[in-house]
Amino acid sequence: MKRKASAVQKHITTYSLLSLLCFVFFAPLNAAETDDPHYSKAGFFDLHLCHWPDRPPFFKAVFSTFEFDNLKYVSIENPDGSEITKLDTSSFIEFRSKGRKKRAFLQDHELADTPKAGWYTAKIHLKDGTVVEAKDYVDPGQLPLAEKIYPEEAQEVTLPVTIRWKPIEGATHYKLVIRDIWNNRKIAFRTKVITDTEVTVPDGKLEVDGEYEWLVHARDVDGDPILGDFNLGSQTAYSTFTVIE
């Protein structure tokens, strides 16, 4: 005679099934990620307060995941729980990380008012009915745009080229991007996130008679367990220069 499963046995069975689903659908987190609220078993969430030229300040929401096949939608909420927006999951950047396909969803959201300080939440809704949360703390403010020093707009320069800009109050890290105008504006050179405000472009990245444009992205932090990759960011407009003999 078969015995009916007890409530405890049913709970254990359900718990085991959920554990199996988590194992199948979710990549395990390492110790650092487990302690970071930006990471969940469904992916990574961050929210940047951006200052770009020729547009008002805006939020840039970022969500990246290996589990995109199980993703239904992601809603972004204010600290008071009201919804800001839903991410457009039809638009993404796909790349490989740790030998697996990963997708990053990036979406801008114009600000009607000054955002409030506090924890913003990404509610990640999965196709199996699971809802997972990740959080990012936003400390409102505005990072000034970098003031460029060299080269000046449309200046002719010789190799090697050293790019310089003034330090920004409130910024701790920068990234330089140079594009080749005559090669469909493809990136000719870009730095990693750096603390310097002067970069000499390595040999072979620029060519004589080439025309290039460059910008500087600045950020207030670089990887913070509370503020994420960065909290405040600014980006200059592009400036051009030409390399001569």
Foldseek 3Di string as FASTA:
>chain_A
DDDDDDPVRVVVVVVVVVVVVLVVQFDDDDPVLVLFLQDDRFWGWAWAFEAEPPDDTKIKIKTKGLRLVFFDWKWKAAQVGHTQGIFDSVDWDWDDDPRGIMTMTIDIGHDPDFGDWDKMWIWTATNVGDTMIGIATADTDAWDFWAWDPDAFAAEAAPFDKTATDDTVLFQWKKKWKFFVVVVRHTLDIDDIGRDRMDGDDPPSDDAQTKMKMKMKTFNAAADSHHGRGHYMYMYDIGMYHYHD
